[in-house]
Amino acid sequence: MKYGDDLIKFMIKTMQHALGENLFTENLAEQVETQIRQEYGGQAVYVAKTDSDVRRESIIKEFNGRNRREICAKFGIGKAHFYRILKGG
């Protein structure tokens, strides 16, 4: 990780870079960090690899054996990609 092993510091630096320090000031960054640490400090937090994991699960869950075309249209994927997802790829 770029900013050490602390996920909170990494997230704050990323937000400061994206929004600019005029909008996401050091004071605001400290407030956000404090709130996150108070709420989640000491807990194990799961971070999914990508949004595609969630999408893949949605596709599998919605497939009823007869609605491949609808699912492909809904998720913007082709037939081959659809079958790769079903196979676990």
N, C-alpha and C. Protein backbone atom coordinates (compact mmCIF):
# COMPACT_ATOMS: atom_id res chain seq x y z
N MET A 1 0.85 -1.17 0.00
CA MET A 1 0.00 0.00 0.00
C MET A 1 0.89 1.23 0.00
N LYS A 2 0.49 2.26 -0.71
CA LYS A 2 1.29 3.46 -0.87
C LYS A 2 1.64 4.16 0.44
N TYR A 3 0.68 4.35 1.30
CA TYR A 3 0.86 5.17 2.49
C TYR A 3 1.03 4.31 3.74
N GLY A 4 1.77 3.25 3.63
CA GLY A 4 1.95 2.36 4.76
C GLY A 4 0.83 1.35 4.84
N ASP A 5 0.74 0.68 5.94
CA ASP A 5 -0.24 -0.38 6.08
C ASP A 5 -1.54 0.08 6.71
N ASP A 6 -1.68 1.38 6.95
CA ASP A 6 -2.88 1.89 7.60
C ASP A 6 -3.91 2.29 6.54
N LEU A 7 -4.98 1.55 6.46
CA LEU A 7 -6.01 1.79 5.46
C LEU A 7 -6.65 3.17 5.60
N ILE A 8 -6.84 3.63 6.82
CA ILE A 8 -7.47 4.93 7.06
C ILE A 8 -6.60 6.04 6.48
N LYS A 9 -5.32 6.01 6.76
CA LYS A 9 -4.39 7.03 6.23
C LYS A 9 -4.41 7.01 4.70
N PHE A 10 -4.41 5.81 4.14
CA PHE A 10 -4.45 5.68 2.68
C PHE A 10 -5.71 6.31 2.11
N MET A 11 -6.85 6.02 2.72
CA MET A 11 -8.13 6.56 2.24
C MET A 11 -8.15 8.08 2.33
N ILE A 12 -7.66 8.62 3.43
CA ILE A 12 -7.66 10.07 3.62
C ILE A 12 -6.74 10.75 2.61
N LYS A 13 -5.57 10.21 2.41
CA LYS A 13 -4.65 10.79 1.41
C LYS A 13 -5.27 10.72 0.02
N THR A 14 -5.96 9.64 -0.30
CA THR A 14 -6.62 9.50 -1.59
C THR A 14 -7.72 10.55 -1.76
N MET A 15 -8.52 10.77 -0.70
CA MET A 15 -9.58 11.77 -0.76
C MET A 15 -9.00 13.18 -0.88
N GLN A 16 -7.92 13.46 -0.16
CA GLN A 16 -7.29 14.77 -0.25
C GLN A 16 -6.76 15.01 -1.65
N HIS A 17 -6.18 14.00 -2.24
CA HIS A 17 -5.66 14.13 -3.61
C HIS A 17 -6.80 14.35 -4.60
N ALA A 18 -7.88 13.59 -4.46
CA ALA A 18 -8.99 13.68 -5.40
C ALA A 18 -9.76 14.99 -5.26
N LEU A 19 -10.00 15.43 -4.03
CA LEU A 19 -10.81 16.62 -3.81
C LEU A 19 -9.99 17.91 -3.71
N GLY A 20 -8.74 17.76 -3.43
CA GLY A 20 -7.90 18.93 -3.22
C GLY A 20 -7.94 19.34 -1.75
N GLU A 21 -6.85 19.88 -1.29
CA GLU A 21 -6.75 20.23 0.12
C GLU A 21 -7.62 21.43 0.49
N ASN A 22 -8.11 22.17 -0.50
CA ASN A 22 -9.02 23.28 -0.20
C ASN A 22 -10.38 22.75 0.27
N LEU A 23 -10.84 21.65 -0.31
CA LEU A 23 -12.11 21.05 0.08
C LEU A 23 -11.95 20.05 1.23
N PHE A 24 -10.94 19.21 1.12
CA PHE A 24 -10.71 18.18 2.14
C PHE A 24 -9.51 18.61 2.97
N THR A 25 -9.74 19.52 3.90
CA THR A 25 -8.68 20.12 4.70
C THR A 25 -8.10 19.13 5.70
N GLU A 26 -6.97 19.48 6.28
CA GLU A 26 -6.35 18.65 7.32
C GLU A 26 -7.30 18.48 8.50
N ASN A 27 -8.00 19.56 8.85
CA ASN A 27 -8.95 19.50 9.96
C ASN A 27 -10.06 18.50 9.67
N LEU A 28 -10.61 18.55 8.48
CA LEU A 28 -11.66 17.60 8.09
C LEU A 28 -11.10 16.19 8.06
N ALA A 29 -9.88 16.03 7.55
CA ALA A 29 -9.25 14.71 7.50
C ALA A 29 -9.10 14.14 8.91
N GLU A 30 -8.70 14.96 9.85
CA GLU A 30 -8.56 14.50 11.23
C GLU A 30 -9.91 14.10 11.83
N GLN A 31 -10.95 14.87 11.53
CA GLN A 31 -12.28 14.53 12.02
C GLN A 31 -12.76 13.20 11.46
N VAL A 32 -12.57 13.00 10.16
CA VAL A 32 -12.98 11.75 9.52
C VAL A 32 -12.20 10.57 10.11
N GLU A 33 -10.90 10.75 10.25
CA GLU A 33 -10.08 9.67 10.81
C GLU A 33 -10.53 9.32 12.23
N THR A 34 -10.78 10.32 13.04
CA THR A 34 -11.22 10.08 14.42
C THR A 34 -12.54 9.33 14.45
N GLN A 35 -13.49 9.75 13.62
CA GLN A 35 -14.79 9.09 13.59
C GLN A 35 -14.68 7.64 13.14
N ILE A 36 -13.89 7.40 12.11
CA ILE A 36 -13.73 6.02 11.61
C ILE A 36 -13.07 5.15 12.66
N ARG A 37 -12.02 5.66 13.29
CA ARG A 37 -11.32 4.88 14.31
C ARG A 37 -12.20 4.61 15.53
N GLN A 38 -13.03 5.58 15.92
CA GLN A 38 -13.93 5.37 17.04
C GLN A 38 -14.98 4.31 16.71
N GLU A 39 -15.50 4.36 15.51
CA GLU A 39 -16.57 3.44 15.10
C GLU A 39 -16.05 2.04 14.81
N TYR A 40 -14.91 1.93 14.13
CA TYR A 40 -14.43 0.64 13.64
C TYR A 40 -13.11 0.18 14.23
N GLY A 41 -12.51 0.95 15.11
CA GLY A 41 -11.21 0.62 15.68
C GLY A 41 -11.19 -0.77 16.30
N GLY A 42 -10.19 -1.54 15.96
CA GLY A 42 -10.02 -2.87 16.51
C GLY A 42 -10.81 -3.96 15.82
N GLN A 43 -11.67 -3.59 14.88
CA GLN A 43 -12.49 -4.59 14.19
C GLN A 43 -11.80 -5.08 12.93
N ALA A 44 -12.09 -6.30 12.55
CA ALA A 44 -11.66 -6.81 11.26
C ALA A 44 -12.68 -6.34 10.24
N VAL A 45 -12.19 -5.77 9.15
CA VAL A 45 -13.08 -5.24 8.12
C VAL A 45 -12.79 -5.97 6.82
N TYR A 46 -13.85 -6.43 6.15
CA TYR A 46 -13.72 -7.12 4.87
C TYR A 46 -13.82 -6.11 3.74
N VAL A 47 -12.87 -6.15 2.82
CA VAL A 47 -12.89 -5.30 1.64
C VAL A 47 -12.92 -6.23 0.43
N ALA A 48 -14.03 -6.17 -0.33
CA ALA A 48 -14.15 -7.01 -1.53
C ALA A 48 -13.07 -6.62 -2.54
N LYS A 49 -12.62 -7.59 -3.32
CA LYS A 49 -11.57 -7.32 -4.29
C LYS A 49 -11.98 -6.23 -5.27
N THR A 50 -13.12 -6.41 -5.89
CA THR A 50 -13.58 -5.42 -6.87
C THR A 50 -15.10 -5.43 -6.92
N ASP A 51 -15.63 -4.43 -7.60
CA ASP A 51 -17.08 -4.40 -7.82
C ASP A 51 -17.51 -5.58 -8.69
N SER A 52 -16.58 -6.12 -9.47
CA SER A 52 -16.94 -7.23 -10.34
C SER A 52 -17.33 -8.47 -9.54
N ASP A 53 -16.79 -8.61 -8.33
CA ASP A 53 -17.19 -9.73 -7.47
C ASP A 53 -18.67 -9.62 -7.12
N VAL A 54 -19.09 -8.43 -6.78
CA VAL A 54 -20.50 -8.19 -6.44
C VAL A 54 -21.36 -8.41 -7.67
N ARG A 55 -20.91 -7.91 -8.81
CA ARG A 55 -21.66 -8.08 -10.06
C ARG A 55 -21.78 -9.56 -10.43
N ARG A 56 -20.68 -10.28 -10.28
CA ARG A 56 -20.68 -11.73 -10.60
C ARG A 56 -21.70 -12.46 -9.73
N GLU A 57 -21.73 -12.13 -8.44
CA GLU A 57 -22.69 -12.76 -7.54
C GLU A 57 -24.13 -12.41 -7.93
N SER A 58 -24.36 -11.18 -8.35
CA SER A 58 -25.70 -10.76 -8.77
C SER A 58 -26.15 -11.52 -10.01
N ILE A 59 -25.24 -11.70 -10.95
CA ILE A 59 -25.56 -12.42 -12.18
C ILE A 59 -25.96 -13.86 -11.86
N ILE A 60 -25.16 -14.51 -11.04
CA ILE A 60 -25.44 -15.91 -10.68
C ILE A 60 -26.76 -16.01 -9.93
N LYS A 61 -26.99 -15.09 -9.02
CA LYS A 61 -28.22 -15.11 -8.22
C LYS A 61 -29.46 -14.89 -9.08
N GLU A 62 -29.37 -14.00 -10.06
CA GLU A 62 -30.53 -13.67 -10.89
C GLU A 62 -30.81 -14.69 -11.99
N PHE A 63 -29.82 -15.50 -12.32
CA PHE A 63 -30.02 -16.47 -13.40
C PHE A 63 -30.94 -17.59 -12.95
N ASN A 64 -32.01 -17.80 -13.72
CA ASN A 64 -32.98 -18.84 -13.37
C ASN A 64 -32.97 -20.00 -14.35
N GLY A 65 -32.00 -20.02 -15.25
CA GLY A 65 -31.90 -21.10 -16.23
C GLY A 65 -32.52 -20.75 -17.57
N ARG A 66 -33.29 -19.68 -17.61
CA ARG A 66 -33.98 -19.31 -18.85
C ARG A 66 -33.84 -17.83 -19.22
N ASN A 67 -33.12 -17.07 -18.44
CA ASN A 67 -33.10 -15.62 -18.67
C ASN A 67 -31.71 -15.08 -19.02
N ARG A 68 -30.92 -15.88 -19.72
CA ARG A 68 -29.56 -15.45 -20.09
C ARG A 68 -29.58 -14.16 -20.88
N ARG A 69 -30.43 -14.03 -21.86
CA ARG A 69 -30.45 -12.83 -22.70
C ARG A 69 -30.76 -11.58 -21.88
N GLU A 70 -31.72 -11.70 -21.00
CA GLU A 70 -32.08 -10.55 -20.16
C GLU A 70 -30.93 -10.13 -19.25
N ILE A 71 -30.26 -11.12 -18.69
CA ILE A 71 -29.14 -10.83 -17.80
C ILE A 71 -27.99 -10.21 -18.58
N CYS A 72 -27.70 -10.76 -19.74
CA CYS A 72 -26.62 -10.19 -20.56
C CYS A 72 -26.91 -8.74 -20.92
N ALA A 73 -28.16 -8.46 -21.26
CA ALA A 73 -28.53 -7.09 -21.60
C ALA A 73 -28.44 -6.19 -20.37
N LYS A 74 -28.93 -6.67 -19.26
CA LYS A 74 -28.94 -5.87 -18.03
C LYS A 74 -27.52 -5.51 -17.57
N PHE A 75 -26.60 -6.47 -17.64
CA PHE A 75 -25.25 -6.25 -17.15
C PHE A 75 -24.26 -5.86 -18.24
N GLY A 76 -24.73 -5.79 -19.48
CA GLY A 76 -23.87 -5.38 -20.58
C GLY A 76 -22.74 -6.35 -20.87
N ILE A 77 -23.05 -7.64 -20.84
CA ILE A 77 -22.03 -8.65 -21.11
C ILE A 77 -22.48 -9.53 -22.27
N GLY A 78 -21.52 -10.20 -22.88
CA GLY A 78 -21.82 -11.11 -23.98
C GLY A 78 -22.08 -12.52 -23.48
N LYS A 79 -22.53 -13.35 -24.41
CA LYS A 79 -22.87 -14.74 -24.09
C LYS A 79 -21.66 -15.50 -23.53
N ALA A 80 -20.50 -15.34 -24.15
CA ALA A 80 -19.30 -16.05 -23.71
C ALA A 80 -18.90 -15.62 -22.29
N HIS A 81 -18.96 -14.34 -22.04
CA HIS A 81 -18.61 -13.83 -20.71
C HIS A 81 -19.60 -14.36 -19.67
N PHE A 82 -20.85 -14.39 -20.02
CA PHE A 82 -21.89 -14.92 -19.13
C PHE A 82 -21.56 -16.35 -18.72
N TYR A 83 -21.21 -17.19 -19.70
CA TYR A 83 -20.93 -18.59 -19.38
C TYR A 83 -19.62 -18.75 -18.60
N ARG A 84 -18.64 -17.85 -18.82
CA ARG A 84 -17.42 -17.86 -18.02
C ARG A 84 -17.75 -17.58 -16.55
N ILE A 85 -18.65 -16.62 -16.34
CA ILE A 85 -19.06 -16.29 -14.97
C ILE A 85 -19.72 -17.49 -14.31
N LEU A 86 -20.60 -18.18 -15.04
CA LEU A 86 -21.27 -19.34 -14.48
C LEU A 86 -20.28 -20.45 -14.13
N LYS A 87 -19.21 -20.57 -14.91
CA LYS A 87 -18.20 -21.60 -14.65
C LYS A 87 -17.28 -21.20 -13.50
N GLY A 88 -17.39 -19.97 -13.04
CA GLY A 88 -16.55 -19.52 -11.93
C GLY A 88 -15.36 -18.71 -12.33
N GLY A 89 -15.33 -18.32 -13.60
CA GLY A 89 -14.18 -17.55 -14.10
C GLY A 89 -14.38 -16.08 -14.13
